Amino acid sequence: MSYTHITRVQRNELAVLLKAKVKKKDIAQLLNKDRTTIWRERTKKCREDKVYDARVAKRITKNNRIKGIRGLGR
């Protein structure tokens, strides 16, 4: 399995599947991602109440990318 970022559509699917209490292993197979990718996305990009939200995850990803681009100029 090669490395690719999680797309907006996959984030939406992830949010629905997590809400439906589907096992992370099964979600990884459905999205064609490694299970640790699903785990990281779930733990690092969730709301303060520990609930995964695709919109929040997108905002966090966007902010992290902007920080990364700014850091390259140093």
C-alpha atoms as a PDB file:
ATOM      1  CA  MET A   1       0.000   0.000   0.000  1.00  0.00           C
ATOM      2  CA  SER A   2       1.608   3.277  -1.080  1.00  0.00           C
ATOM      3  CA  TYR A   3       1.343   6.465   0.950  1.00  0.00           C
ATOM      4  CA  THR A   4      -1.327   9.010   0.007  1.00  0.00           C
ATOM      5  CA  HIS A   5      -3.104  11.706   1.959  1.00  0.00           C
ATOM      6  CA  ILE A   6      -6.640  11.152   3.143  1.00  0.00           C
ATOM      7  CA  THR A   7      -9.021  12.925   0.785  1.00  0.00           C
ATOM      8  CA  ARG A   8     -12.000  15.065   1.733  1.00  0.00           C
ATOM      9  CA  VAL A   9     -14.359  12.300   0.599  1.00  0.00           C
ATOM     10  CA  GLN A  10     -12.479   9.714   2.667  1.00  0.00           C
ATOM     11  CA  ARG A  11     -12.668  11.988   5.729  1.00  0.00           C
ATOM     12  CA  ASN A  12     -16.436  12.220   5.300  1.00  0.00           C
ATOM     13  CA  GLU A  13     -16.696   8.439   4.920  1.00  0.00           C
ATOM     14  CA  LEU A  14     -14.473   7.966   7.971  1.00  0.00           C
ATOM     15  CA  ALA A  15     -16.702  10.208  10.069  1.00  0.00           C
ATOM     16  CA  VAL A  16     -19.825   8.262   9.066  1.00  0.00           C
ATOM     17  CA  LEU A  17     -18.192   4.880   9.662  1.00  0.00           C
ATOM     18  CA  LEU A  18     -16.830   5.908  13.066  1.00  0.00           C
ATOM     19  CA  LYS A  19     -20.237   7.198  14.067  1.00  0.00           C
ATOM     20  CA  ALA A  20     -21.720   3.833  13.017  1.00  0.00           C
ATOM     21  CA  LYS A  21     -19.145   2.149  15.323  1.00  0.00           C
ATOM     22  CA  VAL A  22     -17.480   0.182  12.504  1.00  0.00           C
ATOM     23  CA  LYS A  23     -14.156  -1.349  13.577  1.00  0.00           C
ATOM     24  CA  LYS A  24     -11.104   0.666  12.567  1.00  0.00           C
ATOM     25  CA  LYS A  25      -9.619  -2.410  10.897  1.00  0.00           C
ATOM     26  CA  ASP A  26     -12.697  -2.699   8.674  1.00  0.00           C
ATOM     27  CA  ILE A  27     -12.678   1.043   7.961  1.00  0.00           C
ATOM     28  CA  ALA A  28      -9.050   0.783   6.847  1.00  0.00           C
ATOM     29  CA  GLN A  29      -9.949  -1.971   4.398  1.00  0.00           C
ATOM     30  CA  LEU A  30     -12.922  -0.024   3.033  1.00  0.00           C
ATOM     31  CA  LEU A  31     -10.842   3.141   2.526  1.00  0.00           C
ATOM     32  CA  ASN A  32      -7.782   1.206   1.315  1.00  0.00           C
ATOM     33  CA  LYS A  33      -5.614   2.725   4.060  1.00  0.00           C
ATOM     34  CA  ASP A  34      -3.434   1.227   6.759  1.00  0.00           C
ATOM     35  CA  ARG A  35      -5.175   0.810  10.113  1.00  0.00           C
ATOM     36  CA  THR A  36      -2.586   3.038  11.804  1.00  0.00           C
ATOM     37  CA  THR A  37      -3.480   5.836   9.360  1.00  0.00           C
ATOM     38  CA  ILE A  38      -7.088   5.572  10.493  1.00  0.00           C
ATOM     39  CA  TRP A  39      -6.001   5.523  14.143  1.00  0.00           C
ATOM     40  CA  ARG A  40      -3.806   8.633  13.712  1.00  0.00           C
ATOM     41  CA  GLU A  41      -6.492  10.521  11.822  1.00  0.00           C
ATOM     42  CA  ARG A  42      -9.008   9.654  14.527  1.00  0.00           C
ATOM     43  CA  THR A  43      -6.807  10.606  17.478  1.00  0.00           C
ATOM     44  CA  LYS A  44      -4.980  13.667  16.146  1.00  0.00           C
ATOM     45  CA  LYS A  45      -7.783  15.344  14.253  1.00  0.00           C
ATOM     46  CA  CYS A  46     -10.841  15.259  16.452  1.00  0.00           C
ATOM     47  CA  ARG A  47     -12.809  17.859  18.347  1.00  0.00           C
ATOM     48  CA  GLU A  48     -12.076  18.753  21.942  1.00  0.00           C
ATOM     49  CA  ASP A  49     -14.742  16.278  23.084  1.00  0.00           C
ATOM     50  CA  LYS A  50     -12.798  13.484  21.281  1.00  0.00           C
ATOM     51  CA  VAL A  51     -15.436  13.032  18.564  1.00  0.00           C
ATOM     52  CA  TYR A  52     -14.131  12.838  14.987  1.00  0.00           C
ATOM     53  CA  ASP A  53     -15.523  15.524  12.686  1.00  0.00           C
ATOM     54  CA  ALA A  54     -14.436  15.666   9.032  1.00  0.00           C
ATOM     55  CA  ARG A  55     -14.705  19.478   8.938  1.00  0.00           C
ATOM     56  CA  VAL A  56     -12.496  19.858  12.005  1.00  0.00           C
ATOM     57  CA  ALA A  57      -9.996  17.362  10.557  1.00  0.00           C
ATOM     58  CA  LYS A  58      -9.831  19.323   7.297  1.00  0.00           C
ATOM     59  CA  ARG A  59      -9.236  22.592   9.181  1.00  0.00           C
ATOM     60  CA  ILE A  60      -6.462  21.036  11.280  1.00  0.00           C
ATOM     61  CA  THR A  61      -4.820  19.559   8.170  1.00  0.00           C
ATOM     62  CA  LYS A  62      -4.981  22.887   6.353  1.00  0.00           C
ATOM     63  CA  ASN A  63      -3.446  24.734   9.324  1.00  0.00           C
ATOM     64  CA  ASN A  64      -0.669  22.142   9.624  1.00  0.00           C
ATOM     65  CA  ARG A  65       0.181  22.465   5.934  1.00  0.00           C
ATOM     66  CA  ILE A  66       0.323  26.251   6.189  1.00  0.00           C
ATOM     67  CA  LYS A  67       2.650  25.972   9.206  1.00  0.00           C
ATOM     68  CA  GLY A  68       4.830  23.537   7.247  1.00  0.00           C
ATOM     69  CA  ILE A  69       5.105  25.864   4.261  1.00  0.00           C
ATOM     70  CA  ARG A  70       6.019  28.807   6.497  1.00  0.00           C
ATOM     71  CA  GLY A  71       8.670  26.710   8.214  1.00  0.00           C
ATOM     72  CA  LEU A  72      10.404  25.879   4.909  1.00  0.00           C
ATOM     73  CA  GLY A  73      11.513  29.473   4.379  1.00  0.00           C
ATOM     74  CA  ARG A  74      13.776  29.523   7.438  1.00  0.00           C
END
